[in-house]
Amino acid sequence: MNTPLIYVVGASGSGKDSLMRYARERLAAEPGICFAHRYITRPADAGGENHVALTPEEFAARRQARLFALHWRSHAQQYGVGIEINQWLAKGITVVVNGSREYLEEARQGYPEIVPIYIVVPEVQLRERLLARGRESPDQIEQRLSRNREVPAPRRQDRVIVNDSSLDVAGEHLVSLIRQLSGRTACV
């Protein structure tokens, strides 16, 4: 079995960043599992993700220098994952990436061993979470929900975590899946 690239995706408000932070903290001592940082054209203190902030000019220069293994544009921001993931995978390290559902098919082309994990939430709960964040107007939230309905559904072989209860329940499910996919332990 080749080393998998675990590609975690989910709608804004699904709790993906919180779950990834939970899993990263729980798996920090595991030498065979590495969480990749994303390079994003937004301030370092924006959002809940631990990312590397770049200006649009810095991002363009790194892209031109082919320093991104994966890159995409979403919600007026540019996102990239560095080529360091290729070295990690070559060393047999399972890499976990915070990905984009819209970019998944392109990512599959470059990484045949990619394993998507979808973080999903019932739409009613997703709407409540987005409203509670207060970052967007109700109309913008409805646009996000409409766009979410248009994203292709997971394939049968893709993994899905329903994040509709406490962080530790879904977080432990993610930790278990990552361990299983990395060959570190059986899935509970």
N, C-alpha and C. Protein backbone atom coordinates (compact mmCIF):
# COMPACT_ATOMS: atom_id res chain seq x y z
N MET A 1 0.83 -1.19 0.00
CA MET A 1 0.00 0.00 0.00
C MET A 1 0.87 1.24 0.00
N ASN A 2 0.57 2.17 -0.90
CA ASN A 2 1.29 3.44 -0.93
C ASN A 2 0.83 4.33 0.21
N THR A 3 1.68 5.27 0.57
CA THR A 3 1.34 6.20 1.64
C THR A 3 0.20 7.11 1.18
N PRO A 4 -0.86 7.22 1.97
CA PRO A 4 -1.98 8.04 1.52
C PRO A 4 -1.79 9.52 1.79
N LEU A 5 -2.39 10.31 0.91
CA LEU A 5 -2.56 11.73 1.15
C LEU A 5 -4.00 11.87 1.61
N ILE A 6 -4.20 12.22 2.88
CA ILE A 6 -5.55 12.37 3.44
C ILE A 6 -5.99 13.80 3.21
N TYR A 7 -7.10 13.95 2.52
CA TYR A 7 -7.57 15.24 2.02
C TYR A 7 -8.91 15.54 2.68
N VAL A 8 -8.87 16.38 3.72
CA VAL A 8 -10.06 16.67 4.52
C VAL A 8 -10.81 17.85 3.91
N VAL A 9 -12.11 17.66 3.65
CA VAL A 9 -12.92 18.70 3.02
C VAL A 9 -14.23 18.87 3.77
N GLY A 10 -14.83 20.05 3.61
CA GLY A 10 -16.14 20.30 4.22
C GLY A 10 -16.56 21.73 3.98
N ALA A 11 -17.83 21.95 4.04
CA ALA A 11 -18.38 23.29 3.85
C ALA A 11 -17.92 24.22 4.97
N SER A 12 -17.89 25.50 4.66
CA SER A 12 -17.63 26.49 5.68
C SER A 12 -18.69 26.35 6.77
N GLY A 13 -18.25 26.22 8.02
CA GLY A 13 -19.18 26.02 9.12
C GLY A 13 -19.36 24.57 9.51
N SER A 14 -18.73 23.66 8.77
CA SER A 14 -18.86 22.23 9.08
C SER A 14 -18.02 21.83 10.30
N GLY A 15 -17.10 22.70 10.70
CA GLY A 15 -16.23 22.39 11.83
C GLY A 15 -14.93 21.74 11.42
N LYS A 16 -14.60 21.81 10.14
CA LYS A 16 -13.39 21.16 9.61
C LYS A 16 -12.12 21.66 10.30
N ASP A 17 -11.97 22.98 10.44
CA ASP A 17 -10.76 23.52 11.07
C ASP A 17 -10.64 23.07 12.52
N SER A 18 -11.75 23.07 13.25
CA SER A 18 -11.73 22.63 14.65
C SER A 18 -11.37 21.15 14.75
N LEU A 19 -11.95 20.34 13.86
CA LEU A 19 -11.65 18.90 13.88
C LEU A 19 -10.20 18.63 13.51
N MET A 20 -9.69 19.36 12.53
CA MET A 20 -8.29 19.16 12.15
C MET A 20 -7.34 19.59 13.27
N ARG A 21 -7.67 20.68 13.94
CA ARG A 21 -6.85 21.12 15.08
C ARG A 21 -6.87 20.06 16.18
N TYR A 22 -8.06 19.51 16.46
CA TYR A 22 -8.21 18.45 17.45
C TYR A 22 -7.34 17.25 17.09
N ALA A 23 -7.44 16.80 15.84
CA ALA A 23 -6.67 15.63 15.40
C ALA A 23 -5.17 15.92 15.41
N ARG A 24 -4.77 17.11 14.98
CA ARG A 24 -3.35 17.45 14.97
C ARG A 24 -2.77 17.41 16.38
N GLU A 25 -3.52 17.92 17.34
CA GLU A 25 -3.05 17.90 18.73
C GLU A 25 -2.97 16.47 19.26
N ARG A 26 -3.97 15.65 18.95
CA ARG A 26 -3.99 14.26 19.44
C ARG A 26 -2.91 13.39 18.80
N LEU A 27 -2.51 13.74 17.57
CA LEU A 27 -1.55 12.92 16.84
C LEU A 27 -0.17 13.56 16.77
N ALA A 28 0.06 14.60 17.55
CA ALA A 28 1.32 15.35 17.49
C ALA A 28 2.56 14.50 17.73
N ALA A 29 2.46 13.48 18.55
CA ALA A 29 3.63 12.65 18.88
C ALA A 29 3.84 11.49 17.90
N GLU A 30 3.00 11.36 16.90
CA GLU A 30 3.09 10.26 15.93
C GLU A 30 4.05 10.65 14.81
N PRO A 31 5.23 10.03 14.73
CA PRO A 31 6.22 10.44 13.73
C PRO A 31 5.81 10.12 12.29
N GLY A 32 4.89 9.22 12.09
CA GLY A 32 4.50 8.83 10.74
C GLY A 32 3.31 9.57 10.18
N ILE A 33 2.84 10.62 10.89
CA ILE A 33 1.69 11.40 10.44
C ILE A 33 2.05 12.88 10.52
N CYS A 34 1.79 13.60 9.43
CA CYS A 34 2.14 15.02 9.39
C CYS A 34 0.98 15.82 8.81
N PHE A 35 0.62 16.92 9.46
CA PHE A 35 -0.42 17.82 8.98
C PHE A 35 0.25 18.96 8.22
N ALA A 36 -0.13 19.13 6.96
CA ALA A 36 0.46 20.19 6.14
C ALA A 36 -0.21 21.53 6.44
N HIS A 37 0.57 22.58 6.48
CA HIS A 37 0.02 23.93 6.59
C HIS A 37 -0.36 24.41 5.20
N ARG A 38 -1.42 25.20 5.15
CA ARG A 38 -1.77 25.82 3.88
C ARG A 38 -1.19 27.23 3.84
N TYR A 39 -0.86 27.66 2.64
CA TYR A 39 -0.44 29.03 2.36
C TYR A 39 -1.66 29.73 1.80
N ILE A 40 -2.08 30.83 2.45
CA ILE A 40 -3.33 31.49 2.07
C ILE A 40 -3.12 33.00 1.98
N THR A 41 -3.77 33.61 1.02
CA THR A 41 -3.68 35.07 0.86
C THR A 41 -4.70 35.76 1.76
N ARG A 42 -4.61 35.50 3.05
CA ARG A 42 -5.42 36.20 4.05
C ARG A 42 -4.55 36.37 5.29
N PRO A 43 -4.88 37.35 6.14
CA PRO A 43 -4.07 37.61 7.33
C PRO A 43 -3.95 36.38 8.23
N ALA A 44 -2.85 36.30 8.94
CA ALA A 44 -2.58 35.15 9.81
C ALA A 44 -3.62 34.99 10.91
N ASP A 45 -4.22 36.09 11.35
CA ASP A 45 -5.19 36.01 12.44
C ASP A 45 -6.63 35.85 11.96
N ALA A 46 -6.83 35.66 10.66
CA ALA A 46 -8.18 35.50 10.12
C ALA A 46 -8.56 34.02 10.10
N GLY A 47 -9.77 33.73 10.52
CA GLY A 47 -10.25 32.35 10.49
C GLY A 47 -9.64 31.53 11.61
N GLY A 48 -10.05 30.28 11.69
CA GLY A 48 -9.60 29.41 12.77
C GLY A 48 -8.45 28.49 12.42
N GLU A 49 -7.89 28.68 11.24
CA GLU A 49 -6.87 27.75 10.76
C GLU A 49 -5.46 28.28 10.99
N ASN A 50 -4.57 27.41 11.42
CA ASN A 50 -3.16 27.73 11.55
C ASN A 50 -2.55 27.65 10.15
N HIS A 51 -2.41 28.80 9.50
CA HIS A 51 -1.91 28.82 8.12
C HIS A 51 -0.76 29.80 7.98
N VAL A 52 -0.10 29.76 6.82
CA VAL A 52 0.96 30.70 6.50
C VAL A 52 0.34 31.79 5.63
N ALA A 53 0.36 33.01 6.13
CA ALA A 53 -0.23 34.14 5.41
C ALA A 53 0.75 34.65 4.35
N LEU A 54 0.24 34.83 3.13
CA LEU A 54 1.03 35.39 2.04
C LEU A 54 0.26 36.53 1.39
N THR A 55 0.97 37.50 0.87
CA THR A 55 0.33 38.52 0.06
C THR A 55 0.03 37.88 -1.30
N PRO A 56 -0.89 38.47 -2.06
CA PRO A 56 -1.14 37.93 -3.41
C PRO A 56 0.14 37.88 -4.26
N GLU A 57 1.02 38.85 -4.08
CA GLU A 57 2.28 38.87 -4.84
C GLU A 57 3.20 37.72 -4.43
N GLU A 58 3.29 37.47 -3.12
CA GLU A 58 4.10 36.35 -2.64
C GLU A 58 3.54 35.03 -3.15
N PHE A 59 2.22 34.90 -3.11
CA PHE A 59 1.59 33.67 -3.58
C PHE A 59 1.89 33.46 -5.06
N ALA A 60 1.74 34.51 -5.87
CA ALA A 60 2.00 34.40 -7.30
C ALA A 60 3.45 34.01 -7.57
N ALA A 61 4.39 34.59 -6.82
CA ALA A 61 5.80 34.26 -7.01
C ALA A 61 6.08 32.80 -6.66
N ARG A 62 5.50 32.31 -5.57
CA ARG A 62 5.69 30.90 -5.19
C ARG A 62 5.04 29.97 -6.20
N ARG A 63 3.89 30.36 -6.69
CA ARG A 63 3.22 29.53 -7.70
C ARG A 63 4.07 29.47 -8.97
N GLN A 64 4.59 30.61 -9.40
CA GLN A 64 5.43 30.66 -10.59
C GLN A 64 6.69 29.82 -10.40
N ALA A 65 7.22 29.78 -9.19
CA ALA A 65 8.42 28.98 -8.89
C ALA A 65 8.08 27.50 -8.68
N ARG A 66 6.81 27.16 -8.82
CA ARG A 66 6.32 25.77 -8.67
C ARG A 66 6.60 25.22 -7.27
N LEU A 67 6.31 26.05 -6.26
CA LEU A 67 6.51 25.64 -4.87
C LEU A 67 5.26 25.06 -4.24
N PHE A 68 4.17 24.98 -5.01
CA PHE A 68 2.94 24.40 -4.49
C PHE A 68 2.66 23.05 -5.15
N ALA A 69 2.37 22.07 -4.32
CA ALA A 69 1.94 20.77 -4.83
C ALA A 69 0.48 20.84 -5.25
N LEU A 70 -0.29 21.64 -4.52
CA LEU A 70 -1.72 21.84 -4.78
C LEU A 70 -2.00 23.33 -4.62
N HIS A 71 -2.88 23.87 -5.45
CA HIS A 71 -3.27 25.27 -5.27
C HIS A 71 -4.61 25.51 -5.95
N TRP A 72 -5.40 26.42 -5.35
CA TRP A 72 -6.72 26.73 -5.88
C TRP A 72 -7.14 28.10 -5.37
N ARG A 73 -8.24 28.59 -5.94
CA ARG A 73 -8.81 29.88 -5.54
C ARG A 73 -10.23 29.63 -5.06
N SER A 74 -10.59 30.25 -3.94
CA SER A 74 -11.94 30.10 -3.41
C SER A 74 -12.26 31.30 -2.53
N HIS A 75 -13.48 31.82 -2.66
CA HIS A 75 -13.94 32.95 -1.84
C HIS A 75 -12.95 34.11 -1.84
N ALA A 76 -12.47 34.46 -3.02
CA ALA A 76 -11.57 35.60 -3.23
C ALA A 76 -10.19 35.42 -2.57
N GLN A 77 -9.87 34.22 -2.15
CA GLN A 77 -8.55 33.93 -1.57
C GLN A 77 -7.85 32.87 -2.42
N GLN A 78 -6.53 32.84 -2.33
CA GLN A 78 -5.75 31.79 -2.98
C GLN A 78 -5.20 30.87 -1.89
N TYR A 79 -5.22 29.58 -2.16
CA TYR A 79 -4.78 28.57 -1.21
C TYR A 79 -3.73 27.69 -1.88
N GLY A 80 -2.72 27.33 -1.12
CA GLY A 80 -1.70 26.43 -1.64
C GLY A 80 -1.21 25.49 -0.57
N VAL A 81 -0.75 24.33 -1.02
CA VAL A 81 -0.09 23.35 -0.15
C VAL A 81 1.28 23.15 -0.76
N GLY A 82 2.32 23.30 0.06
CA GLY A 82 3.69 23.27 -0.44
C GLY A 82 4.17 21.92 -0.94
N ILE A 83 5.20 21.97 -1.78
CA ILE A 83 5.76 20.76 -2.36
C ILE A 83 6.46 19.88 -1.32
N GLU A 84 6.61 20.39 -0.11
CA GLU A 84 7.21 19.57 0.95
C GLU A 84 6.39 18.30 1.20
N ILE A 85 5.10 18.33 0.88
CA ILE A 85 4.29 17.12 1.10
C ILE A 85 4.78 15.96 0.25
N ASN A 86 5.37 16.26 -0.91
CA ASN A 86 5.89 15.19 -1.76
C ASN A 86 7.07 14.47 -1.09
N GLN A 87 7.92 15.21 -0.40
CA GLN A 87 9.03 14.61 0.33
C GLN A 87 8.52 13.76 1.49
N TRP A 88 7.52 14.28 2.20
CA TRP A 88 6.96 13.54 3.33
C TRP A 88 6.34 12.22 2.86
N LEU A 89 5.57 12.29 1.78
CA LEU A 89 4.94 11.07 1.24
C LEU A 89 6.01 10.08 0.78
N ALA A 90 7.07 10.57 0.13
CA ALA A 90 8.15 9.70 -0.35
C ALA A 90 8.85 8.99 0.81
N LYS A 91 8.86 9.61 1.99
CA LYS A 91 9.46 9.00 3.18
C LYS A 91 8.50 8.07 3.91
N GLY A 92 7.29 7.89 3.35
CA GLY A 92 6.32 7.00 3.98
C GLY A 92 5.50 7.64 5.06
N ILE A 93 5.49 8.96 5.11
CA ILE A 93 4.72 9.69 6.11
C ILE A 93 3.32 9.96 5.56
N THR A 94 2.31 9.65 6.34
CA THR A 94 0.94 9.96 5.97
C THR A 94 0.75 11.46 6.13
N VAL A 95 0.27 12.12 5.09
CA VAL A 95 0.09 13.56 5.10
C VAL A 95 -1.40 13.87 5.14
N VAL A 96 -1.78 14.80 6.03
CA VAL A 96 -3.16 15.24 6.16
C VAL A 96 -3.22 16.69 5.68
N VAL A 97 -4.13 16.95 4.73
CA VAL A 97 -4.26 18.26 4.11
C VAL A 97 -5.67 18.79 4.30
N ASN A 98 -5.77 20.08 4.57
CA ASN A 98 -7.04 20.79 4.60
C ASN A 98 -7.32 21.19 3.16
N GLY A 99 -8.24 20.49 2.50
CA GLY A 99 -8.44 20.68 1.07
C GLY A 99 -9.70 21.44 0.70
N SER A 100 -9.98 21.43 -0.58
CA SER A 100 -11.15 22.08 -1.15
C SER A 100 -11.96 21.05 -1.93
N ARG A 101 -13.26 21.00 -1.69
CA ARG A 101 -14.11 20.06 -2.41
C ARG A 101 -14.08 20.35 -3.90
N GLU A 102 -14.07 21.63 -4.27
CA GLU A 102 -14.09 22.00 -5.68
C GLU A 102 -12.80 21.61 -6.40
N TYR A 103 -11.70 21.48 -5.69
CA TYR A 103 -10.39 21.15 -6.26
C TYR A 103 -10.09 19.66 -6.20
N LEU A 104 -10.95 18.89 -5.56
CA LEU A 104 -10.67 17.48 -5.31
C LEU A 104 -10.36 16.69 -6.58
N GLU A 105 -11.12 16.86 -7.64
CA GLU A 105 -10.88 16.08 -8.85
C GLU A 105 -9.51 16.37 -9.43
N GLU A 106 -9.08 17.61 -9.40
CA GLU A 106 -7.74 17.95 -9.88
C GLU A 106 -6.67 17.34 -8.96
N ALA A 107 -6.90 17.38 -7.67
CA ALA A 107 -5.96 16.79 -6.72
C ALA A 107 -5.85 15.28 -6.93
N ARG A 108 -6.96 14.63 -7.25
CA ARG A 108 -6.93 13.18 -7.51
C ARG A 108 -5.99 12.83 -8.66
N GLN A 109 -5.91 13.71 -9.65
CA GLN A 109 -5.05 13.45 -10.81
C GLN A 109 -3.58 13.39 -10.42
N GLY A 110 -3.17 14.26 -9.53
CA GLY A 110 -1.76 14.29 -9.12
C GLY A 110 -1.42 13.31 -8.01
N TYR A 111 -2.43 12.85 -7.28
CA TYR A 111 -2.21 11.97 -6.13
C TYR A 111 -3.20 10.81 -6.18
N PRO A 112 -2.84 9.74 -6.89
CA PRO A 112 -3.78 8.61 -7.00
C PRO A 112 -4.09 7.94 -5.66
N GLU A 113 -3.24 8.11 -4.67
CA GLU A 113 -3.48 7.51 -3.35
C GLU A 113 -4.24 8.45 -2.42
N ILE A 114 -4.84 9.50 -2.97
CA ILE A 114 -5.58 10.47 -2.15
C ILE A 114 -6.79 9.79 -1.52
N VAL A 115 -7.04 10.12 -0.26
CA VAL A 115 -8.20 9.60 0.45
C VAL A 115 -8.98 10.80 1.00
N PRO A 116 -10.09 11.16 0.36
CA PRO A 116 -10.89 12.26 0.88
C PRO A 116 -11.66 11.86 2.14
N ILE A 117 -11.71 12.78 3.09
CA ILE A 117 -12.57 12.63 4.26
C ILE A 117 -13.48 13.86 4.25
N TYR A 118 -14.76 13.63 4.07
CA TYR A 118 -15.75 14.70 4.04
C TYR A 118 -16.27 14.94 5.46
N ILE A 119 -16.24 16.20 5.88
CA ILE A 119 -16.87 16.62 7.13
C ILE A 119 -18.22 17.21 6.74
N VAL A 120 -19.29 16.59 7.20
CA VAL A 120 -20.63 17.04 6.81
C VAL A 120 -21.46 17.36 8.05
N VAL A 121 -22.42 18.25 7.84
CA VAL A 121 -23.32 18.70 8.90
C VAL A 121 -24.69 18.85 8.26
N PRO A 122 -25.76 18.46 8.95
CA PRO A 122 -27.10 18.72 8.41
C PRO A 122 -27.27 20.21 8.10
N GLU A 123 -27.98 20.53 7.01
CA GLU A 123 -28.08 21.91 6.56
C GLU A 123 -28.65 22.85 7.61
N VAL A 124 -29.61 22.40 8.38
CA VAL A 124 -30.20 23.25 9.43
C VAL A 124 -29.12 23.66 10.43
N GLN A 125 -28.31 22.72 10.84
CA GLN A 125 -27.24 22.99 11.80
C GLN A 125 -26.14 23.85 11.16
N LEU A 126 -25.85 23.61 9.89
CA LEU A 126 -24.85 24.41 9.19
C LEU A 126 -25.30 25.87 9.13
N ARG A 127 -26.56 26.12 8.80
CA ARG A 127 -27.10 27.48 8.76
C ARG A 127 -26.94 28.14 10.14
N GLU A 128 -27.30 27.42 11.20
CA GLU A 128 -27.18 27.97 12.56
C GLU A 128 -25.75 28.35 12.88
N ARG A 129 -24.80 27.49 12.52
CA ARG A 129 -23.39 27.77 12.79
C ARG A 129 -22.91 29.00 12.03
N LEU A 130 -23.29 29.09 10.76
CA LEU A 130 -22.88 30.24 9.95
C LEU A 130 -23.48 31.53 10.49
N LEU A 131 -24.74 31.50 10.90
CA LEU A 131 -25.37 32.69 11.49
C LEU A 131 -24.68 33.08 12.80
N ALA A 132 -24.34 32.09 13.61
CA ALA A 132 -23.69 32.36 14.90
C ALA A 132 -22.31 32.99 14.73
N ARG A 133 -21.61 32.64 13.66
CA ARG A 133 -20.29 33.23 13.42
C ARG A 133 -20.37 34.73 13.17
N GLY A 134 -21.46 35.16 12.53
CA GLY A 134 -21.66 36.58 12.28
C GLY A 134 -20.73 37.18 11.24
N ARG A 135 -20.09 36.38 10.41
CA ARG A 135 -19.17 36.91 9.40
C ARG A 135 -19.88 37.35 8.12
N GLU A 136 -21.08 36.81 7.89
CA GLU A 136 -21.76 37.04 6.62
C GLU A 136 -23.22 37.40 6.86
N SER A 137 -23.80 38.05 5.86
CA SER A 137 -25.22 38.41 5.94
C SER A 137 -26.06 37.15 5.71
N PRO A 138 -27.33 37.18 6.10
CA PRO A 138 -28.20 36.03 5.83
C PRO A 138 -28.26 35.66 4.35
N ASP A 139 -28.24 36.66 3.46
CA ASP A 139 -28.24 36.36 2.02
C ASP A 139 -26.96 35.63 1.60
N GLN A 140 -25.82 36.07 2.13
CA GLN A 140 -24.55 35.41 1.81
C GLN A 140 -24.54 33.98 2.33
N ILE A 141 -25.12 33.77 3.49
CA ILE A 141 -25.20 32.42 4.06
C ILE A 141 -26.06 31.53 3.18
N GLU A 142 -27.18 32.06 2.73
CA GLU A 142 -28.04 31.26 1.84
C GLU A 142 -27.32 30.93 0.54
N GLN A 143 -26.49 31.86 0.04
CA GLN A 143 -25.70 31.58 -1.16
C GLN A 143 -24.70 30.44 -0.89
N ARG A 144 -24.07 30.47 0.29
CA ARG A 144 -23.14 29.39 0.66
C ARG A 144 -23.87 28.05 0.72
N LEU A 145 -25.04 28.04 1.33
CA LEU A 145 -25.81 26.80 1.47
C LEU A 145 -26.24 26.28 0.10
N SER A 146 -26.63 27.18 -0.78
CA SER A 146 -27.01 26.79 -2.13
C SER A 146 -25.81 26.19 -2.87
N ARG A 147 -24.67 26.84 -2.73
CA ARG A 147 -23.44 26.34 -3.37
C ARG A 147 -23.06 24.98 -2.79
N ASN A 148 -23.26 24.80 -1.51
CA ASN A 148 -22.95 23.54 -0.85
C ASN A 148 -23.78 22.39 -1.43
N ARG A 149 -25.03 22.68 -1.78
CA ARG A 149 -25.90 21.65 -2.37
C ARG A 149 -25.43 21.23 -3.76
N GLU A 150 -24.69 22.10 -4.44
CA GLU A 150 -24.24 21.84 -5.80
C GLU A 150 -22.92 21.07 -5.86
N VAL A 151 -22.20 20.99 -4.76
CA VAL A 151 -20.92 20.29 -4.73
C VAL A 151 -21.18 18.79 -4.89
N PRO A 152 -20.40 18.11 -5.75
CA PRO A 152 -20.62 16.68 -5.92
C PRO A 152 -20.55 15.92 -4.60
N ALA A 153 -21.42 14.95 -4.46
CA ALA A 153 -21.46 14.12 -3.25
C ALA A 153 -20.22 13.25 -3.17
N PRO A 154 -19.86 12.82 -1.97
CA PRO A 154 -18.72 11.90 -1.84
C PRO A 154 -18.95 10.62 -2.64
N ARG A 155 -17.85 10.05 -3.13
CA ARG A 155 -17.93 8.75 -3.78
C ARG A 155 -18.12 7.69 -2.71
N ARG A 156 -18.56 6.52 -3.13
CA ARG A 156 -18.82 5.45 -2.15
C ARG A 156 -17.59 5.11 -1.32
N GLN A 157 -16.40 5.16 -1.93
CA GLN A 157 -15.18 4.79 -1.20
C GLN A 157 -14.62 5.92 -0.33
N ASP A 158 -15.16 7.14 -0.48
CA ASP A 158 -14.69 8.27 0.33
C ASP A 158 -15.22 8.10 1.76
N ARG A 159 -14.49 8.66 2.69
CA ARG A 159 -14.89 8.60 4.10
C ARG A 159 -15.73 9.83 4.43
N VAL A 160 -16.68 9.66 5.34
CA VAL A 160 -17.55 10.76 5.74
C VAL A 160 -17.66 10.77 7.26
N ILE A 161 -17.51 11.95 7.84
CA ILE A 161 -17.71 12.15 9.28
C ILE A 161 -18.85 13.16 9.43
N VAL A 162 -19.89 12.76 10.13
CA VAL A 162 -21.00 13.67 10.41
C VAL A 162 -20.68 14.39 11.71
N ASN A 163 -20.48 15.69 11.61
CA ASN A 163 -20.09 16.50 12.77
C ASN A 163 -21.31 17.23 13.32
N ASP A 164 -22.21 16.46 13.91
CA ASP A 164 -23.45 17.07 14.41
C ASP A 164 -23.60 16.96 15.93
N SER A 165 -22.51 16.59 16.61
CA SER A 165 -22.57 16.56 18.08
C SER A 165 -21.34 17.25 18.63
N SER A 166 -20.73 16.71 19.66
CA SER A 166 -19.59 17.39 20.29
C SER A 166 -18.30 17.22 19.49
N LEU A 167 -17.39 18.15 19.71
CA LEU A 167 -16.10 18.14 19.02
C LEU A 167 -15.34 16.85 19.28
N ASP A 168 -15.36 16.36 20.51
CA ASP A 168 -14.57 15.17 20.81
C ASP A 168 -15.11 13.92 20.12
N VAL A 169 -16.41 13.83 19.87
CA VAL A 169 -16.97 12.66 19.19
C VAL A 169 -16.48 12.61 17.75
N ALA A 170 -16.70 13.69 17.00
CA ALA A 170 -16.25 13.74 15.61
C ALA A 170 -14.72 13.78 15.55
N GLY A 171 -14.09 14.46 16.51
CA GLY A 171 -12.63 14.53 16.54
C GLY A 171 -11.99 13.17 16.71
N GLU A 172 -12.53 12.37 17.61
CA GLU A 172 -11.98 11.02 17.80
C GLU A 172 -12.23 10.14 16.57
N HIS A 173 -13.35 10.36 15.89
CA HIS A 173 -13.61 9.64 14.65
C HIS A 173 -12.54 9.98 13.61
N LEU A 174 -12.20 11.28 13.49
CA LEU A 174 -11.16 11.70 12.55
C LEU A 174 -9.81 11.11 12.95
N VAL A 175 -9.46 11.18 14.21
CA VAL A 175 -8.19 10.61 14.69
C VAL A 175 -8.12 9.12 14.35
N SER A 176 -9.19 8.41 14.60
CA SER A 176 -9.25 6.97 14.32
C SER A 176 -9.08 6.68 12.82
N LEU A 177 -9.75 7.47 12.00
CA LEU A 177 -9.63 7.28 10.55
C LEU A 177 -8.20 7.55 10.07
N ILE A 178 -7.60 8.61 10.56
CA ILE A 178 -6.22 8.93 10.16
C ILE A 178 -5.28 7.80 10.58
N ARG A 179 -5.43 7.32 11.79
CA ARG A 179 -4.58 6.20 12.25
C ARG A 179 -4.80 4.96 11.38
N GLN A 180 -6.07 4.65 11.09
CA GLN A 180 -6.37 3.49 10.26
C GLN A 180 -5.73 3.63 8.88
N LEU A 181 -5.92 4.79 8.25
CA LEU A 181 -5.40 5.00 6.90
C LEU A 181 -3.88 5.02 6.85
N SER A 182 -3.26 5.42 7.96
CA SER A 182 -1.79 5.45 8.01
C SER A 182 -1.22 4.08 8.35
N GLY A 183 -2.10 3.13 8.71
CA GLY A 183 -1.62 1.80 9.09
C GLY A 183 -1.11 1.74 10.50
N ARG A 184 -1.39 2.78 11.31
CA ARG A 184 -0.89 2.82 12.69
C ARG A 184 -1.74 1.99 13.66
N THR A 185 -3.05 1.89 13.38
CA THR A 185 -3.92 1.12 14.26
C THR A 185 -5.23 0.86 13.55
N ALA A 186 -5.98 -0.08 14.02
CA ALA A 186 -7.28 -0.39 13.43
C ALA A 186 -8.30 0.68 13.77
N CYS A 187 -9.24 0.88 12.90
CA CYS A 187 -10.31 1.84 13.13
C CYS A 187 -11.32 1.28 14.12
N VAL A 188 -11.74 2.10 15.06
CA VAL A 188 -12.71 1.66 16.07
C VAL A 188 -14.10 1.84 15.53
